[in-house]
Amino acid sequence: MDISKLNETVKNAFEAWQNGNAEVFTSYFTSDVKLYDDGSPRDFKKFVKEACGHEKFMSIEKIENEGKDIYGEFHTESWGDFKTYFKFSLNKEGKFDKLEIGQAN
């Protein structure tokens, strides 16, 4: 997968996610990060605990928003494969304060 167009912080978090390293992945986020799954609020810590290491991108189809939005084929152990997005929002300190995930068209 070509991740060269990802924002540097997104790239680091993405690699941690892909490698199933929840501790490193969460280190890029604020303590009060907001997670939205298809527009609905969701518990970030619970999501990471349940999904990191069990779900990952199989391919990247496009990268937008200055390298902070990822769209691609995603694999989960419980739901199979589908197109999804991860949209990262950086605050002024360089940490993610919001993550939006969901099914992509």
PDB file of N, CA and C in Angstrom:
ATOM      1  N   MET A   1       0.837  -1.184   0.000  1.00  0.00           N
ATOM      2  CA  MET A   1       0.000   0.000   0.000  1.00  0.00           C
ATOM      3  C   MET A   1       0.876   1.238   0.000  1.00  0.00           C
ATOM      4  N   ASP A   2       0.504   2.186  -0.810  1.00  0.00           N
ATOM      5  CA  ASP A   2       1.246   3.440  -0.871  1.00  0.00           C
ATOM      6  C   ASP A   2       0.664   4.409   0.159  1.00  0.00           C
ATOM      7  N   ILE A   3       1.434   4.667   1.205  1.00  0.00           N
ATOM      8  CA  ILE A   3       0.985   5.595   2.247  1.00  0.00           C
ATOM      9  C   ILE A   3       1.807   6.884   2.218  1.00  0.00           C
ATOM     10  N   SER A   4       2.543   7.101   1.145  1.00  0.00           N
ATOM     11  CA  SER A   4       3.427   8.264   1.056  1.00  0.00           C
ATOM     12  C   SER A   4       2.675   9.595   1.066  1.00  0.00           C
ATOM     13  N   LYS A   5       1.410   9.601   0.677  1.00  0.00           N
ATOM     14  CA  LYS A   5       0.644  10.851   0.635  1.00  0.00           C
ATOM     15  C   LYS A   5      -0.072  11.149   1.949  1.00  0.00           C
ATOM     16  N   LEU A   6       0.088  10.272   2.941  1.00  0.00           N
ATOM     17  CA  LEU A   6      -0.540  10.515   4.234  1.00  0.00           C
ATOM     18  C   LEU A   6       0.211  11.609   4.987  1.00  0.00           C
ATOM     19  N   ASN A   7      -0.532  12.406   5.732  1.00  0.00           N
ATOM     20  CA  ASN A   7       0.046  13.328   6.697  1.00  0.00           C
ATOM     21  C   ASN A   7       0.981  12.507   7.590  1.00  0.00           C
ATOM     22  N   GLU A   8       2.100  13.065   8.010  1.00  0.00           N
ATOM     23  CA  GLU A   8       3.102  12.302   8.763  1.00  0.00           C
ATOM     24  C   GLU A   8       2.539  11.685  10.043  1.00  0.00           C
ATOM     25  N   THR A   9       1.740  12.434  10.786  1.00  0.00           N
ATOM     26  CA  THR A   9       1.158  11.901  12.022  1.00  0.00           C
ATOM     27  C   THR A   9       0.139  10.819  11.709  1.00  0.00           C
ATOM     28  N   VAL A  10      -0.663  11.031  10.665  1.00  0.00           N
ATOM     29  CA  VAL A  10      -1.618  10.005  10.237  1.00  0.00           C
ATOM     30  C   VAL A  10      -0.869   8.746   9.822  1.00  0.00           C
ATOM     31  N   LYS A  11       0.224   8.918   9.090  1.00  0.00           N
ATOM     32  CA  LYS A  11       1.019   7.769   8.648  1.00  0.00           C
ATOM     33  C   LYS A  11       1.502   6.948   9.848  1.00  0.00           C
ATOM     34  N   ASN A  12       1.996   7.612  10.869  1.00  0.00           N
ATOM     35  CA  ASN A  12       2.480   6.911  12.062  1.00  0.00           C
ATOM     36  C   ASN A  12       1.352   6.179  12.776  1.00  0.00           C
ATOM     37  N   ALA A  13       0.206   6.846  12.917  1.00  0.00           N
ATOM     38  CA  ALA A  13      -0.940   6.200  13.563  1.00  0.00           C
ATOM     39  C   ALA A  13      -1.450   5.041  12.712  1.00  0.00           C
ATOM     40  N   PHE A  14      -1.510   5.247  11.403  1.00  0.00           N
ATOM     41  CA  PHE A  14      -1.963   4.205  10.477  1.00  0.00           C
ATOM     42  C   PHE A  14      -1.076   2.961  10.571  1.00  0.00           C
ATOM     43  N   GLU A  15       0.228   3.163  10.589  1.00  0.00           N
ATOM     44  CA  GLU A  15       1.147   2.021  10.690  1.00  0.00           C
ATOM     45  C   GLU A  15       0.958   1.281  12.008  1.00  0.00           C
ATOM     46  N   ALA A  16       0.739   2.016  13.094  1.00  0.00           N
ATOM     47  CA  ALA A  16       0.485   1.367  14.390  1.00  0.00           C
ATOM     48  C   ALA A  16      -0.807   0.553  14.328  1.00  0.00           C
ATOM     49  N   TRP A  17      -1.849   1.129  13.699  1.00  0.00           N
ATOM     50  CA  TRP A  17      -3.120   0.407  13.550  1.00  0.00           C
ATOM     51  C   TRP A  17      -2.909  -0.874  12.753  1.00  0.00           C
ATOM     52  N   GLN A  18      -2.259  -0.748  11.614  1.00  0.00           N
ATOM     53  CA  GLN A  18      -2.046  -1.898  10.733  1.00  0.00           C
ATOM     54  C   GLN A  18      -1.245  -2.997  11.431  1.00  0.00           C
ATOM     55  N   ASN A  19      -0.338  -2.597  12.321  1.00  0.00           N
ATOM     56  CA  ASN A  19       0.494  -3.559  13.057  1.00  0.00           C
ATOM     57  C   ASN A  19      -0.171  -4.055  14.333  1.00  0.00           C
ATOM     58  N   GLY A  20      -1.381  -3.570  14.626  1.00  0.00           N
ATOM     59  CA  GLY A  20      -2.106  -4.021  15.813  1.00  0.00           C
ATOM     60  C   GLY A  20      -1.546  -3.490  17.112  1.00  0.00           C
ATOM     61  N   ASN A  21      -0.841  -2.351  17.055  1.00  0.00           N
ATOM     62  CA  ASN A  21      -0.225  -1.778  18.249  1.00  0.00           C
ATOM     63  C   ASN A  21      -1.127  -0.681  18.815  1.00  0.00           C
ATOM     64  N   ALA A  22      -2.056  -1.082  19.659  1.00  0.00           N
ATOM     65  CA  ALA A  22      -3.045  -0.153  20.216  1.00  0.00           C
ATOM     66  C   ALA A  22      -2.394   0.923  21.067  1.00  0.00           C
ATOM     67  N   GLU A  23      -1.355   0.580  21.808  1.00  0.00           N
ATOM     68  CA  GLU A  23      -0.697   1.559  22.678  1.00  0.00           C
ATOM     69  C   GLU A  23      -0.092   2.701  21.858  1.00  0.00           C
ATOM     70  N   VAL A  24       0.610   2.359  20.793  1.00  0.00           N
ATOM     71  CA  VAL A  24       1.199   3.391  19.944  1.00  0.00           C
ATOM     72  C   VAL A  24       0.097   4.155  19.211  1.00  0.00           C
ATOM     73  N   PHE A  25      -0.901   3.444  18.686  1.00  0.00           N
ATOM     74  CA  PHE A  25      -1.999   4.095  17.981  1.00  0.00           C
ATOM     75  C   PHE A  25      -2.649   5.151  18.860  1.00  0.00           C
ATOM     76  N   THR A  26      -3.018   4.801  20.080  1.00  0.00           N
ATOM     77  CA  THR A  26      -3.716   5.746  20.955  1.00  0.00           C
ATOM     78  C   THR A  26      -2.814   6.886  21.417  1.00  0.00           C
ATOM     79  N   SER A  27      -1.512   6.731  21.356  1.00  0.00           N
ATOM     80  CA  SER A  27      -0.596   7.796  21.794  1.00  0.00           C
ATOM     81  C   SER A  27      -0.690   9.036  20.909  1.00  0.00           C
ATOM     82  N   TYR A  28      -1.258   8.910  19.719  1.00  0.00           N
ATOM     83  CA  TYR A  28      -1.407  10.045  18.806  1.00  0.00           C
ATOM     84  C   TYR A  28      -2.698  10.826  19.040  1.00  0.00           C
ATOM     85  N   PHE A  29      -3.507  10.405  20.006  1.00  0.00           N
ATOM     86  CA  PHE A  29      -4.812  11.002  20.253  1.00  0.00           C
ATOM     87  C   PHE A  29      -4.856  11.721  21.600  1.00  0.00           C
ATOM     88  N   THR A  30      -5.715  12.748  21.672  1.00  0.00           N
ATOM     89  CA  THR A  30      -5.934  13.432  22.937  1.00  0.00           C
ATOM     90  C   THR A  30      -6.672  12.494  23.897  1.00  0.00           C
ATOM     91  N   SER A  31      -6.618  12.826  25.181  1.00  0.00           N
ATOM     92  CA  SER A  31      -7.298  11.976  26.172  1.00  0.00           C
ATOM     93  C   SER A  31      -8.817  12.058  26.052  1.00  0.00           C
ATOM     94  N   ASP A  32      -9.316  13.136  25.451  1.00  0.00           N
ATOM     95  CA  ASP A  32     -10.766  13.293  25.301  1.00  0.00           C
ATOM     96  C   ASP A  32     -11.214  13.210  23.840  1.00  0.00           C
ATOM     97  N   VAL A  33     -10.513  12.393  23.060  1.00  0.00           N
ATOM     98  CA  VAL A  33     -10.819  12.237  21.635  1.00  0.00           C
ATOM     99  C   VAL A  33     -12.271  11.832  21.422  1.00  0.00           C
ATOM    100  N   LYS A  34     -12.857  12.344  20.358  1.00  0.00           N
ATOM    101  CA  LYS A  34     -14.228  11.985  19.974  1.00  0.00           C
ATOM    102  C   LYS A  34     -14.153  11.015  18.795  1.00  0.00           C
ATOM    103  N   LEU A  35     -14.908   9.933  18.878  1.00  0.00           N
ATOM    104  CA  LEU A  35     -14.998   8.951  17.803  1.00  0.00           C
ATOM    105  C   LEU A  35     -16.432   8.924  17.293  1.00  0.00           C
ATOM    106  N   TYR A  36     -16.562   8.984  15.967  1.00  0.00           N
ATOM    107  CA  TYR A  36     -17.866   8.882  15.324  1.00  0.00           C
ATOM    108  C   TYR A  36     -17.819   7.741  14.329  1.00  0.00           C
ATOM    109  N   ASP A  37     -18.775   6.824  14.449  1.00  0.00           N
ATOM    110  CA  ASP A  37     -18.884   5.661  13.570  1.00  0.00           C
ATOM    111  C   ASP A  37     -20.145   5.843  12.728  1.00  0.00           C
ATOM    112  N   ASP A  38     -19.968   6.085  11.442  1.00  0.00           N
ATOM    113  CA  ASP A  38     -21.086   6.412  10.556  1.00  0.00           C
ATOM    114  C   ASP A  38     -21.921   7.552  11.130  1.00  0.00           C
ATOM    115  N   GLY A  39     -21.252   8.536  11.739  1.00  0.00           N
ATOM    116  CA  GLY A  39     -21.908   9.724  12.271  1.00  0.00           C
ATOM    117  C   GLY A  39     -22.394   9.630  13.701  1.00  0.00           C
ATOM    118  N   SER A  40     -22.380   8.432  14.276  1.00  0.00           N
ATOM    119  CA  SER A  40     -22.855   8.248  15.653  1.00  0.00           C
ATOM    120  C   SER A  40     -21.679   8.185  16.620  1.00  0.00           C
ATOM    121  N   PRO A  41     -21.784   8.866  17.775  1.00  0.00           N
ATOM    122  CA  PRO A  41     -20.705   8.807  18.764  1.00  0.00           C
ATOM    123  C   PRO A  41     -20.462   7.373  19.234  1.00  0.00           C
ATOM    124  N   ARG A  42     -19.197   7.083  19.495  1.00  0.00           N
ATOM    125  CA  ARG A  42     -18.810   5.742  19.953  1.00  0.00           C
ATOM    126  C   ARG A  42     -17.653   5.886  20.927  1.00  0.00           C
ATOM    127  N   ASP A  43     -17.505   4.943  21.829  1.00  0.00           N
ATOM    128  CA  ASP A  43     -16.430   4.958  22.817  1.00  0.00           C
ATOM    129  C   ASP A  43     -15.100   4.619  22.141  1.00  0.00           C
ATOM    130  N   PHE A  44     -14.181   5.585  22.108  1.00  0.00           N
ATOM    131  CA  PHE A  44     -12.908   5.420  21.420  1.00  0.00           C
ATOM    132  C   PHE A  44     -12.074   4.295  22.026  1.00  0.00           C
ATOM    133  N   LYS A  45     -11.911   4.298  23.349  1.00  0.00           N
ATOM    134  CA  LYS A  45     -11.070   3.285  23.998  1.00  0.00           C
ATOM    135  C   LYS A  45     -11.615   1.879  23.774  1.00  0.00           C
ATOM    136  N   LYS A  46     -12.922   1.730  23.858  1.00  0.00           N
ATOM    137  CA  LYS A  46     -13.541   0.421  23.633  1.00  0.00           C
ATOM    138  C   LYS A  46     -13.335  -0.018  22.186  1.00  0.00           C
ATOM    139  N   PHE A  47     -13.513   0.904  21.239  1.00  0.00           N
ATOM    140  CA  PHE A  47     -13.306   0.596  19.830  1.00  0.00           C
ATOM    141  C   PHE A  47     -11.877   0.109  19.586  1.00  0.00           C
ATOM    142  N   VAL A  48     -10.911   0.834  20.095  1.00  0.00           N
ATOM    143  CA  VAL A  48      -9.508   0.455  19.868  1.00  0.00           C
ATOM    144  C   VAL A  48      -9.219  -0.900  20.505  1.00  0.00           C
ATOM    145  N   LYS A  49      -9.699  -1.108  21.712  1.00  0.00           N
ATOM    146  CA  LYS A  49      -9.471  -2.383  22.408  1.00  0.00           C
ATOM    147  C   LYS A  49     -10.053  -3.560  21.616  1.00  0.00           C
ATOM    148  N   GLU A  50     -11.251  -3.365  21.065  1.00  0.00           N
ATOM    149  CA  GLU A  50     -11.922  -4.442  20.348  1.00  0.00           C
ATOM    150  C   GLU A  50     -11.402  -4.637  18.924  1.00  0.00           C
ATOM    151  N   ALA A  51     -10.987  -3.550  18.262  1.00  0.00           N
ATOM    152  CA  ALA A  51     -10.694  -3.628  16.831  1.00  0.00           C
ATOM    153  C   ALA A  51      -9.211  -3.670  16.473  1.00  0.00           C
ATOM    154  N   CYS A  52      -8.373  -2.958  17.206  1.00  0.00           N
ATOM    155  CA  CYS A  52      -6.954  -2.886  16.844  1.00  0.00           C
ATOM    156  C   CYS A  52      -6.310  -4.261  16.997  1.00  0.00           C
ATOM    157  N   GLY A  53      -5.720  -4.735  15.924  1.00  0.00           N
ATOM    158  CA  GLY A  53      -5.143  -6.070  15.897  1.00  0.00           C
ATOM    159  C   GLY A  53      -6.075  -7.106  15.297  1.00  0.00           C
ATOM    160  N   HIS A  54      -7.337  -6.721  15.106  1.00  0.00           N
ATOM    161  CA  HIS A  54      -8.327  -7.625  14.531  1.00  0.00           C
ATOM    162  C   HIS A  54      -8.928  -7.084  13.239  1.00  0.00           C
ATOM    163  N   GLU A  55      -8.745  -5.793  12.993  1.00  0.00           N
ATOM    164  CA  GLU A  55      -9.283  -5.141  11.805  1.00  0.00           C
ATOM    165  C   GLU A  55      -8.180  -4.306  11.181  1.00  0.00           C
ATOM    166  N   LYS A  56      -8.164  -4.264   9.832  1.00  0.00           N
ATOM    167  CA  LYS A  56      -7.155  -3.431   9.181  1.00  0.00           C
ATOM    168  C   LYS A  56      -7.513  -3.178   7.723  1.00  0.00           C
ATOM    169  N   PHE A  57      -6.855  -2.171   7.184  1.00  0.00           N
ATOM    170  CA  PHE A  57      -7.011  -1.858   5.768  1.00  0.00           C
ATOM    171  C   PHE A  57      -6.281  -2.906   4.934  1.00  0.00           C
ATOM    172  N   MET A  58      -6.951  -3.373   3.892  1.00  0.00           N
ATOM    173  CA  MET A  58      -6.341  -4.315   2.950  1.00  0.00           C
ATOM    174  C   MET A  58      -5.770  -3.560   1.745  1.00  0.00           C
ATOM    175  N   SER A  59      -6.364  -2.399   1.458  1.00  0.00           N
ATOM    176  CA  SER A  59      -5.881  -1.544   0.374  1.00  0.00           C
ATOM    177  C   SER A  59      -6.337  -0.118   0.646  1.00  0.00           C
ATOM    178  N   ILE A  60      -5.650   0.826   0.029  1.00  0.00           N
ATOM    179  CA  ILE A  60      -6.045   2.223   0.089  1.00  0.00           C
ATOM    180  C   ILE A  60      -6.459   2.641  -1.310  1.00  0.00           C
ATOM    181  N   GLU A  61      -7.658   3.172  -1.440  1.00  0.00           N
ATOM    182  CA  GLU A  61      -8.171   3.606  -2.738  1.00  0.00           C
ATOM    183  C   GLU A  61      -7.939   5.082  -2.982  1.00  0.00           C
ATOM    184  N   LYS A  62      -8.051   5.888  -1.915  1.00  0.00           N
ATOM    185  CA  LYS A  62      -7.763   7.310  -2.071  1.00  0.00           C
ATOM    186  C   LYS A  62      -7.428   7.929  -0.723  1.00  0.00           C
ATOM    187  N   ILE A  63      -6.689   9.026  -0.821  1.00  0.00           N
ATOM    188  CA  ILE A  63      -6.282   9.812   0.342  1.00  0.00           C
ATOM    189  C   ILE A  63      -6.668  11.255   0.038  1.00  0.00           C
ATOM    190  N   GLU A  64      -7.361  11.897   0.982  1.00  0.00           N
ATOM    191  CA  GLU A  64      -7.829  13.265   0.785  1.00  0.00           C
ATOM    192  C   GLU A  64      -7.522  14.110   2.010  1.00  0.00           C
ATOM    193  N   ASN A  65      -7.928  15.393   1.918  1.00  0.00           N
ATOM    194  CA  ASN A  65      -7.848  16.319   3.039  1.00  0.00           C
ATOM    195  C   ASN A  65      -6.418  16.448   3.579  1.00  0.00           C
ATOM    196  N   GLU A  66      -5.505  16.752   2.678  1.00  0.00           N
ATOM    197  CA  GLU A  66      -4.096  16.942   3.046  1.00  0.00           C
ATOM    198  C   GLU A  66      -3.518  15.718   3.748  1.00  0.00           C
ATOM    199  N   GLY A  67      -3.950  14.527   3.325  1.00  0.00           N
ATOM    200  CA  GLY A  67      -3.408  13.286   3.860  1.00  0.00           C
ATOM    201  C   GLY A  67      -4.004  12.835   5.168  1.00  0.00           C
ATOM    202  N   LYS A  68      -5.160  13.398   5.547  1.00  0.00           N
ATOM    203  CA  LYS A  68      -5.775  13.032   6.825  1.00  0.00           C
ATOM    204  C   LYS A  68      -7.005  12.139   6.690  1.00  0.00           C
ATOM    205  N   ASP A  69      -7.483  11.927   5.463  1.00  0.00           N
ATOM    206  CA  ASP A  69      -8.643  11.063   5.227  1.00  0.00           C
ATOM    207  C   ASP A  69      -8.212   9.874   4.368  1.00  0.00           C
ATOM    208  N   ILE A  70      -8.508   8.674   4.850  1.00  0.00           N
ATOM    209  CA  ILE A  70      -8.122   7.442   4.161  1.00  0.00           C
ATOM    210  C   ILE A  70      -9.388   6.687   3.772  1.00  0.00           C
ATOM    211  N   TYR A  71      -9.453   6.252   2.528  1.00  0.00           N
ATOM    212  CA  TYR A  71     -10.562   5.433   2.030  1.00  0.00           C
ATOM    213  C   TYR A  71      -9.961   4.153   1.458  1.00  0.00           C
ATOM    214  N   GLY A  72     -10.577   3.022   1.763  1.00  0.00           N
ATOM    215  CA  GLY A  72     -10.066   1.789   1.193  1.00  0.00           C
ATOM    216  C   GLY A  72     -10.848   0.568   1.609  1.00  0.00           C
ATOM    217  N   GLU A  73     -10.342  -0.567   1.171  1.00  0.00           N
ATOM    218  CA  GLU A  73     -10.928  -1.869   1.502  1.00  0.00           C
ATOM    219  C   GLU A  73     -10.460  -2.251   2.898  1.00  0.00           C
ATOM    220  N   PHE A  74     -11.405  -2.609   3.745  1.00  0.00           N
ATOM    221  CA  PHE A  74     -11.146  -2.868   5.157  1.00  0.00           C
ATOM    222  C   PHE A  74     -11.575  -4.289   5.486  1.00  0.00           C
ATOM    223  N   HIS A  75     -10.803  -4.968   6.328  1.00  0.00           N
ATOM    224  CA  HIS A  75     -11.131  -6.336   6.739  1.00  0.00           C
ATOM    225  C   HIS A  75     -11.396  -6.379   8.240  1.00  0.00           C
ATOM    226  N   THR A  76     -12.514  -7.006   8.609  1.00  0.00           N
ATOM    227  CA  THR A  76     -12.819  -7.258  10.018  1.00  0.00           C
ATOM    228  C   THR A  76     -13.083  -8.750  10.196  1.00  0.00           C
ATOM    229  N   GLU A  77     -12.763  -9.249  11.369  1.00  0.00           N
ATOM    230  CA  GLU A  77     -13.000 -10.664  11.644  1.00  0.00           C
ATOM    231  C   GLU A  77     -14.491 -10.964  11.776  1.00  0.00           C
ATOM    232  N   SER A  78     -15.261  -9.979  12.255  1.00  0.00           N
ATOM    233  CA  SER A  78     -16.682 -10.246  12.491  1.00  0.00           C
ATOM    234  C   SER A  78     -17.591  -9.842  11.333  1.00  0.00           C
ATOM    235  N   TRP A  79     -17.226  -8.817  10.555  1.00  0.00           N
ATOM    236  CA  TRP A  79     -18.102  -8.317   9.496  1.00  0.00           C
ATOM    237  C   TRP A  79     -17.576  -8.574   8.093  1.00  0.00           C
ATOM    238  N   GLY A  80     -16.399  -9.143   7.963  1.00  0.00           N
ATOM    239  CA  GLY A  80     -15.848  -9.408   6.640  1.00  0.00           C
ATOM    240  C   GLY A  80     -15.185  -8.178   6.038  1.00  0.00           C
ATOM    241  N   ASP A  81     -15.210  -8.079   4.707  1.00  0.00           N
ATOM    242  CA  ASP A  81     -14.533  -7.002   3.989  1.00  0.00           C
ATOM    243  C   ASP A  81     -15.543  -5.999   3.445  1.00  0.00           C
ATOM    244  N   PHE A  82     -15.195  -4.735   3.510  1.00  0.00           N
ATOM    245  CA  PHE A  82     -16.044  -3.662   2.981  1.00  0.00           C
ATOM    246  C   PHE A  82     -15.217  -2.405   2.826  1.00  0.00           C
ATOM    247  N   LYS A  83     -15.753  -1.463   2.065  1.00  0.00           N
ATOM    248  CA  LYS A  83     -15.080  -0.180   1.879  1.00  0.00           C
ATOM    249  C   LYS A  83     -15.354   0.698   3.098  1.00  0.00           C
ATOM    250  N   THR A  84     -14.313   1.369   3.567  1.00  0.00           N
ATOM    251  CA  THR A  84     -14.454   2.201   4.756  1.00  0.00           C
ATOM    252  C   THR A  84     -13.619   3.456   4.636  1.00  0.00           C
ATOM    253  N   TYR A  85     -13.800   4.335   5.604  1.00  0.00           N
ATOM    254  CA  TYR A  85     -12.961   5.524   5.703  1.00  0.00           C
ATOM    255  C   TYR A  85     -12.556   5.753   7.147  1.00  0.00           C
ATOM    256  N   PHE A  86     -11.384   6.336   7.313  1.00  0.00           N
ATOM    257  CA  PHE A  86     -10.908   6.869   8.581  1.00  0.00           C
ATOM    258  C   PHE A  86     -10.574   8.328   8.284  1.00  0.00           C
ATOM    259  N   LYS A  87     -11.158   9.252   9.036  1.00  0.00           N
ATOM    260  CA  LYS A  87     -10.878  10.673   8.873  1.00  0.00           C
ATOM    261  C   LYS A  87     -10.331  11.202  10.195  1.00  0.00           C
ATOM    262  N   PHE A  88      -9.080  11.644  10.161  1.00  0.00           N
ATOM    263  CA  PHE A  88      -8.377  12.114  11.342  1.00  0.00           C
ATOM    264  C   PHE A  88      -8.426  13.639  11.417  1.00  0.00           C
ATOM    265  N   SER A  89      -8.723  14.185  12.591  1.00  0.00           N
ATOM    266  CA  SER A  89      -8.723  15.636  12.813  1.00  0.00           C
ATOM    267  C   SER A  89      -7.625  15.983  13.808  1.00  0.00           C
ATOM    268  N   LEU A  90      -6.683  16.814  13.356  1.00  0.00           N
ATOM    269  CA  LEU A  90      -5.555  17.237  14.190  1.00  0.00           C
ATOM    270  C   LEU A  90      -5.877  18.540  14.919  1.00  0.00           C
ATOM    271  N   ASN A  91      -5.488  18.609  16.195  1.00  0.00           N
ATOM    272  CA  ASN A  91      -5.635  19.871  16.921  1.00  0.00           C
ATOM    273  C   ASN A  91      -4.346  20.692  16.771  1.00  0.00           C
ATOM    274  N   LYS A  92      -4.302  21.850  17.395  1.00  0.00           N
ATOM    275  CA  LYS A  92      -3.145  22.753  17.267  1.00  0.00           C
ATOM    276  C   LYS A  92      -1.861  22.161  17.841  1.00  0.00           C
ATOM    277  N   GLU A  93      -1.987  21.239  18.786  1.00  0.00           N
ATOM    278  CA  GLU A  93      -0.815  20.615  19.410  1.00  0.00           C
ATOM    279  C   GLU A  93      -0.300  19.420  18.612  1.00  0.00           C
ATOM    280  N   GLY A  94      -0.973  19.081  17.514  1.00  0.00           N
ATOM    281  CA  GLY A  94      -0.522  17.972  16.680  1.00  0.00           C
ATOM    282  C   GLY A  94      -1.032  16.611  17.099  1.00  0.00           C
ATOM    283  N   LYS A  95      -2.065  16.599  17.940  1.00  0.00           N
ATOM    284  CA  LYS A  95      -2.700  15.337  18.355  1.00  0.00           C
ATOM    285  C   LYS A  95      -4.070  15.250  17.689  1.00  0.00           C
ATOM    286  N   PHE A  96      -4.562  14.045  17.539  1.00  0.00           N
ATOM    287  CA  PHE A  96      -5.894  13.853  16.978  1.00  0.00           C
ATOM    288  C   PHE A  96      -6.927  14.039  18.082  1.00  0.00           C
ATOM    289  N   ASP A  97      -7.912  14.918  17.821  1.00  0.00           N
ATOM    290  CA  ASP A  97      -8.976  15.119  18.794  1.00  0.00           C
ATOM    291  C   ASP A  97     -10.309  14.550  18.309  1.00  0.00           C
ATOM    292  N   LYS A  98     -10.317  14.079  17.043  1.00  0.00           N
ATOM    293  CA  LYS A  98     -11.522  13.445  16.508  1.00  0.00           C
ATOM    294  C   LYS A  98     -11.129  12.440  15.444  1.00  0.00           C
ATOM    295  N   LEU A  99     -11.820  11.306  15.460  1.00  0.00           N
ATOM    296  CA  LEU A  99     -11.662  10.277  14.425  1.00  0.00           C
ATOM    297  C   LEU A  99     -13.058   9.902  13.950  1.00  0.00           C
ATOM    298  N   GLU A 100     -13.257  10.020  12.648  1.00  0.00           N
ATOM    299  CA  GLU A 100     -14.514   9.605  12.051  1.00  0.00           C
ATOM    300  C   GLU A 100     -14.239   8.360  11.221  1.00  0.00           C
ATOM    301  N   ILE A 101     -15.031   7.326  11.462  1.00  0.00           N
ATOM    302  CA  ILE A 101     -14.910   6.076  10.698  1.00  0.00           C
ATOM    303  C   ILE A 101     -16.282   5.711  10.141  1.00  0.00           C
ATOM    304  N   GLY A 102     -16.316   4.896   9.125  1.00  0.00           N
ATOM    305  CA  GLY A 102     -17.596   4.452   8.613  1.00  0.00           C
ATOM    306  C   GLY A 102     -17.468   3.783   7.268  1.00  0.00           C
ATOM    307  N   GLN A 103     -18.585   3.296   6.784  1.00  0.00           N
ATOM    308  CA  GLN A 103     -18.604   2.652   5.490  1.00  0.00           C
ATOM    309  C   GLN A 103     -18.577   3.710   4.393  1.00  0.00           C
ATOM    310  N   ALA A 104     -17.734   3.473   3.397  1.00  0.00           N
ATOM    311  CA  ALA A 104     -17.608   4.385   2.268  1.00  0.00           C
ATOM    312  C   ALA A 104     -18.413   3.835   1.084  1.00  0.00           C
ATOM    313  N   ASN A 105     -18.808   4.713   0.202  1.00  0.00           N
ATOM    314  CA  ASN A 105     -19.548   4.304  -1.000  1.00  0.00           C
ATOM    315  C   ASN A 105     -18.600   3.824  -2.078  1.00  0.00           C
TER     316      ASN A 105
END
